[in-house]
Amino acid sequence: MIDSSHKHIVYRNDRSTRQGGGVLCLVSKDWSSFMVPIPDKFHNLDVIAVTVMTDTGNVRYITVYRPPELNKLGRDYMMLLAECLDIPV
């Protein structure tokens, strides 16, 4: 998490295996929020999860980038992403 001097908190997950890229989420400083830890098993995924606490309950935002490859590498990436998000496939 990087706390900017502006009106938002910046949560980000930079790519560790390739140059450039990654995902980020901006949350207004008017809301309490925290980044949800993603297990190390999923370190190659471009995914970030943030919980925002509101007056009516907590909301979880998940930001994902899926590479456009439609080959075995792309399918493996999607299987790992589904496991990370705990979505039955």
N, C-alpha and C. Protein backbone atom coordinates (compact mmCIF):
# COMPACT_ATOMS: atom_id res chain seq x y z
N MET A 1 0.85 -1.18 0.00
CA MET A 1 0.00 0.00 0.00
C MET A 1 0.89 1.23 0.00
N ILE A 2 0.54 2.21 -0.79
CA ILE A 2 1.23 3.49 -0.82
C ILE A 2 0.22 4.55 -0.46
N ASP A 3 0.48 5.30 0.58
CA ASP A 3 -0.44 6.35 1.00
C ASP A 3 -0.02 7.65 0.32
N SER A 4 -0.80 8.07 -0.65
CA SER A 4 -0.46 9.29 -1.38
C SER A 4 -0.90 10.52 -0.59
N SER A 5 -0.42 11.68 -0.99
CA SER A 5 -0.81 12.92 -0.32
C SER A 5 -2.09 13.49 -0.92
N HIS A 6 -2.75 12.72 -1.74
CA HIS A 6 -3.97 13.16 -2.39
C HIS A 6 -5.19 12.63 -1.66
N LYS A 7 -6.30 12.53 -2.35
CA LYS A 7 -7.57 12.13 -1.75
C LYS A 7 -7.78 10.62 -1.73
N HIS A 8 -6.81 9.86 -2.20
CA HIS A 8 -6.98 8.41 -2.32
C HIS A 8 -5.79 7.66 -1.72
N ILE A 9 -6.07 6.43 -1.34
CA ILE A 9 -5.02 5.48 -0.98
C ILE A 9 -4.81 4.60 -2.20
N VAL A 10 -3.56 4.37 -2.55
CA VAL A 10 -3.22 3.55 -3.71
C VAL A 10 -2.77 2.18 -3.21
N TYR A 11 -3.49 1.15 -3.61
CA TYR A 11 -3.08 -0.23 -3.36
C TYR A 11 -2.60 -0.78 -4.70
N ARG A 12 -1.45 -1.46 -4.70
CA ARG A 12 -0.92 -1.94 -5.98
C ARG A 12 -0.21 -3.27 -5.82
N ASN A 13 -0.18 -3.98 -6.92
CA ASN A 13 0.55 -5.24 -7.02
C ASN A 13 1.32 -5.19 -8.33
N ASP A 14 2.60 -4.84 -8.25
CA ASP A 14 3.45 -4.75 -9.43
C ASP A 14 3.89 -6.15 -9.84
N ARG A 15 4.10 -6.32 -11.12
CA ARG A 15 4.60 -7.60 -11.62
C ARG A 15 6.01 -7.84 -11.10
N SER A 16 6.25 -9.05 -10.63
CA SER A 16 7.58 -9.37 -10.12
C SER A 16 8.39 -10.16 -11.14
N THR A 17 7.70 -10.75 -12.11
CA THR A 17 8.40 -11.63 -13.05
C THR A 17 8.66 -10.98 -14.41
N ARG A 18 7.97 -9.90 -14.72
CA ARG A 18 8.16 -9.22 -16.01
C ARG A 18 8.24 -7.73 -15.76
N GLN A 19 8.83 -7.03 -16.70
CA GLN A 19 8.93 -5.58 -16.57
C GLN A 19 7.58 -4.94 -16.93
N GLY A 20 7.20 -3.93 -16.16
CA GLY A 20 5.96 -3.20 -16.41
C GLY A 20 4.75 -3.99 -15.97
N GLY A 21 3.61 -3.33 -16.00
CA GLY A 21 2.36 -4.00 -15.70
C GLY A 21 2.06 -4.15 -14.22
N GLY A 22 1.01 -4.87 -13.95
CA GLY A 22 0.51 -5.04 -12.60
C GLY A 22 -0.89 -4.46 -12.51
N VAL A 23 -1.45 -4.42 -11.31
CA VAL A 23 -2.79 -3.90 -11.09
C VAL A 23 -2.78 -2.95 -9.90
N LEU A 24 -3.76 -2.05 -9.88
CA LEU A 24 -3.88 -1.17 -8.72
C LEU A 24 -5.33 -0.85 -8.46
N CYS A 25 -5.57 -0.36 -7.25
CA CYS A 25 -6.91 0.02 -6.82
C CYS A 25 -6.79 1.32 -6.04
N LEU A 26 -7.60 2.30 -6.37
CA LEU A 26 -7.65 3.57 -5.64
C LEU A 26 -8.88 3.57 -4.75
N VAL A 27 -8.69 3.94 -3.48
CA VAL A 27 -9.82 4.02 -2.54
C VAL A 27 -9.79 5.39 -1.89
N SER A 28 -10.92 6.04 -1.85
CA SER A 28 -11.03 7.35 -1.22
C SER A 28 -10.59 7.26 0.24
N LYS A 29 -9.88 8.27 0.70
CA LYS A 29 -9.47 8.32 2.10
C LYS A 29 -10.66 8.54 3.03
N ASP A 30 -11.83 8.83 2.46
CA ASP A 30 -13.04 8.96 3.27
C ASP A 30 -13.52 7.62 3.81
N TRP A 31 -13.03 6.50 3.24
CA TRP A 31 -13.44 5.15 3.65
C TRP A 31 -12.26 4.43 4.29
N SER A 32 -12.53 3.68 5.33
CA SER A 32 -11.51 2.80 5.90
C SER A 32 -11.36 1.60 4.96
N SER A 33 -10.12 1.18 4.73
CA SER A 33 -9.90 0.06 3.82
C SER A 33 -8.60 -0.64 4.18
N PHE A 34 -8.48 -1.85 3.66
CA PHE A 34 -7.23 -2.60 3.83
C PHE A 34 -7.08 -3.59 2.69
N MET A 35 -5.82 -3.90 2.37
CA MET A 35 -5.52 -4.86 1.33
C MET A 35 -5.62 -6.26 1.91
N VAL A 36 -6.26 -7.15 1.18
CA VAL A 36 -6.40 -8.54 1.59
C VAL A 36 -5.15 -9.29 1.12
N PRO A 37 -4.46 -9.98 2.03
CA PRO A 37 -3.25 -10.70 1.61
C PRO A 37 -3.58 -11.84 0.65
N ILE A 38 -2.80 -11.96 -0.40
CA ILE A 38 -2.92 -13.05 -1.37
C ILE A 38 -1.78 -14.03 -1.06
N PRO A 39 -2.08 -15.33 -0.91
CA PRO A 39 -1.02 -16.29 -0.60
C PRO A 39 0.11 -16.27 -1.63
N ASP A 40 1.32 -16.54 -1.18
CA ASP A 40 2.51 -16.53 -2.04
C ASP A 40 2.39 -17.45 -3.24
N LYS A 41 1.58 -18.49 -3.12
CA LYS A 41 1.38 -19.44 -4.21
C LYS A 41 0.92 -18.73 -5.48
N PHE A 42 0.27 -17.58 -5.32
CA PHE A 42 -0.32 -16.86 -6.45
C PHE A 42 0.49 -15.61 -6.84
N HIS A 43 1.78 -15.59 -6.50
CA HIS A 43 2.59 -14.38 -6.73
C HIS A 43 2.73 -14.01 -8.20
N ASN A 44 2.52 -14.97 -9.12
CA ASN A 44 2.65 -14.66 -10.55
C ASN A 44 1.37 -14.08 -11.15
N LEU A 45 0.29 -14.00 -10.37
CA LEU A 45 -0.97 -13.47 -10.88
C LEU A 45 -1.01 -11.95 -10.74
N ASP A 46 -1.65 -11.30 -11.69
CA ASP A 46 -1.90 -9.86 -11.60
C ASP A 46 -3.26 -9.69 -10.94
N VAL A 47 -3.29 -9.75 -9.61
CA VAL A 47 -4.54 -9.68 -8.86
C VAL A 47 -4.30 -8.91 -7.56
N ILE A 48 -5.30 -8.16 -7.14
CA ILE A 48 -5.26 -7.45 -5.87
C ILE A 48 -6.68 -7.46 -5.30
N ALA A 49 -6.79 -7.61 -3.99
CA ALA A 49 -8.09 -7.59 -3.32
C ALA A 49 -8.03 -6.56 -2.20
N VAL A 50 -9.05 -5.71 -2.14
CA VAL A 50 -9.12 -4.66 -1.13
C VAL A 50 -10.51 -4.71 -0.49
N THR A 51 -10.55 -4.64 0.83
CA THR A 51 -11.82 -4.55 1.54
C THR A 51 -12.04 -3.11 1.96
N VAL A 52 -13.23 -2.59 1.63
CA VAL A 52 -13.62 -1.23 1.99
C VAL A 52 -14.74 -1.35 3.02
N MET A 53 -14.56 -0.69 4.16
CA MET A 53 -15.55 -0.74 5.23
C MET A 53 -16.50 0.44 5.07
N THR A 54 -17.79 0.13 4.90
CA THR A 54 -18.80 1.17 4.70
C THR A 54 -19.76 1.16 5.89
N ASP A 55 -20.65 2.12 5.90
CA ASP A 55 -21.64 2.20 6.97
C ASP A 55 -22.61 1.01 6.95
N THR A 56 -22.78 0.40 5.80
CA THR A 56 -23.73 -0.71 5.68
C THR A 56 -23.06 -2.08 5.64
N GLY A 57 -21.75 -2.12 5.74
CA GLY A 57 -21.02 -3.39 5.74
C GLY A 57 -19.76 -3.29 4.90
N ASN A 58 -19.01 -4.38 4.88
CA ASN A 58 -17.76 -4.42 4.13
C ASN A 58 -18.01 -4.83 2.69
N VAL A 59 -17.22 -4.25 1.79
CA VAL A 59 -17.29 -4.58 0.37
C VAL A 59 -15.88 -4.97 -0.07
N ARG A 60 -15.76 -6.10 -0.75
CA ARG A 60 -14.46 -6.53 -1.25
C ARG A 60 -14.39 -6.28 -2.74
N TYR A 61 -13.36 -5.55 -3.16
CA TYR A 61 -13.10 -5.28 -4.57
C TYR A 61 -11.89 -6.10 -4.99
N ILE A 62 -12.03 -6.76 -6.12
CA ILE A 62 -10.93 -7.57 -6.64
C ILE A 62 -10.62 -7.05 -8.04
N THR A 63 -9.37 -6.70 -8.25
CA THR A 63 -8.92 -6.23 -9.55
C THR A 63 -7.99 -7.28 -10.13
N VAL A 64 -8.29 -7.68 -11.38
CA VAL A 64 -7.54 -8.76 -12.02
C VAL A 64 -7.20 -8.34 -13.44
N TYR A 65 -5.99 -8.68 -13.86
CA TYR A 65 -5.64 -8.58 -15.28
C TYR A 65 -5.39 -10.00 -15.77
N ARG A 66 -6.09 -10.38 -16.83
CA ARG A 66 -5.87 -11.68 -17.45
C ARG A 66 -5.20 -11.47 -18.79
N PRO A 67 -4.00 -12.05 -18.96
CA PRO A 67 -3.33 -11.93 -20.26
C PRO A 67 -4.19 -12.52 -21.37
N PRO A 68 -4.07 -12.00 -22.59
CA PRO A 68 -4.95 -12.42 -23.68
C PRO A 68 -4.58 -13.76 -24.32
N GLU A 69 -3.49 -14.40 -23.91
CA GLU A 69 -3.08 -15.64 -24.56
C GLU A 69 -4.17 -16.71 -24.44
N LEU A 70 -4.40 -17.43 -25.54
CA LEU A 70 -5.37 -18.51 -25.54
C LEU A 70 -4.68 -19.85 -25.71
N ASN A 71 -3.46 -19.95 -25.22
CA ASN A 71 -2.70 -21.18 -25.33
C ASN A 71 -2.68 -21.89 -23.97
N LYS A 72 -1.84 -22.90 -23.82
CA LYS A 72 -1.77 -23.64 -22.55
C LYS A 72 -1.36 -22.73 -21.41
N LEU A 73 -0.43 -21.82 -21.64
CA LEU A 73 -0.01 -20.88 -20.59
C LEU A 73 -1.20 -20.04 -20.12
N GLY A 74 -2.01 -19.57 -21.06
CA GLY A 74 -3.19 -18.78 -20.72
C GLY A 74 -4.21 -19.59 -19.94
N ARG A 75 -4.41 -20.85 -20.33
CA ARG A 75 -5.35 -21.72 -19.61
C ARG A 75 -4.84 -22.00 -18.20
N ASP A 76 -3.53 -22.26 -18.07
CA ASP A 76 -2.95 -22.51 -16.75
C ASP A 76 -3.10 -21.28 -15.85
N TYR A 77 -2.91 -20.09 -16.44
CA TYR A 77 -3.07 -18.84 -15.69
C TYR A 77 -4.50 -18.73 -15.17
N MET A 78 -5.49 -19.02 -16.01
CA MET A 78 -6.88 -18.92 -15.61
C MET A 78 -7.24 -19.95 -14.54
N MET A 79 -6.68 -21.15 -14.62
CA MET A 79 -6.93 -22.16 -13.58
C MET A 79 -6.38 -21.69 -12.24
N LEU A 80 -5.17 -21.12 -12.25
CA LEU A 80 -4.57 -20.61 -11.03
C LEU A 80 -5.38 -19.43 -10.49
N LEU A 81 -5.85 -18.56 -11.37
CA LEU A 81 -6.65 -17.42 -10.96
C LEU A 81 -7.97 -17.89 -10.34
N ALA A 82 -8.63 -18.87 -10.95
CA ALA A 82 -9.87 -19.40 -10.40
C ALA A 82 -9.63 -19.99 -9.01
N GLU A 83 -8.52 -20.68 -8.84
CA GLU A 83 -8.18 -21.23 -7.52
C GLU A 83 -7.95 -20.11 -6.51
N CYS A 84 -7.25 -19.07 -6.94
CA CYS A 84 -6.96 -17.94 -6.06
C CYS A 84 -8.25 -17.28 -5.60
N LEU A 85 -9.20 -17.13 -6.51
CA LEU A 85 -10.47 -16.48 -6.19
C LEU A 85 -11.49 -17.46 -5.62
N ASP A 86 -11.10 -18.76 -5.54
CA ASP A 86 -11.94 -19.80 -4.98
C ASP A 86 -13.24 -19.94 -5.74
N ILE A 87 -13.11 -19.91 -7.07
CA ILE A 87 -14.25 -20.07 -7.96
C ILE A 87 -14.23 -21.50 -8.49
N PRO A 88 -15.32 -22.25 -8.34
CA PRO A 88 -15.34 -23.60 -8.91
C PRO A 88 -15.22 -23.51 -10.43
N VAL A 89 -14.39 -24.40 -11.00
CA VAL A 89 -14.24 -24.41 -12.46
C VAL A 89 -14.76 -25.71 -13.04
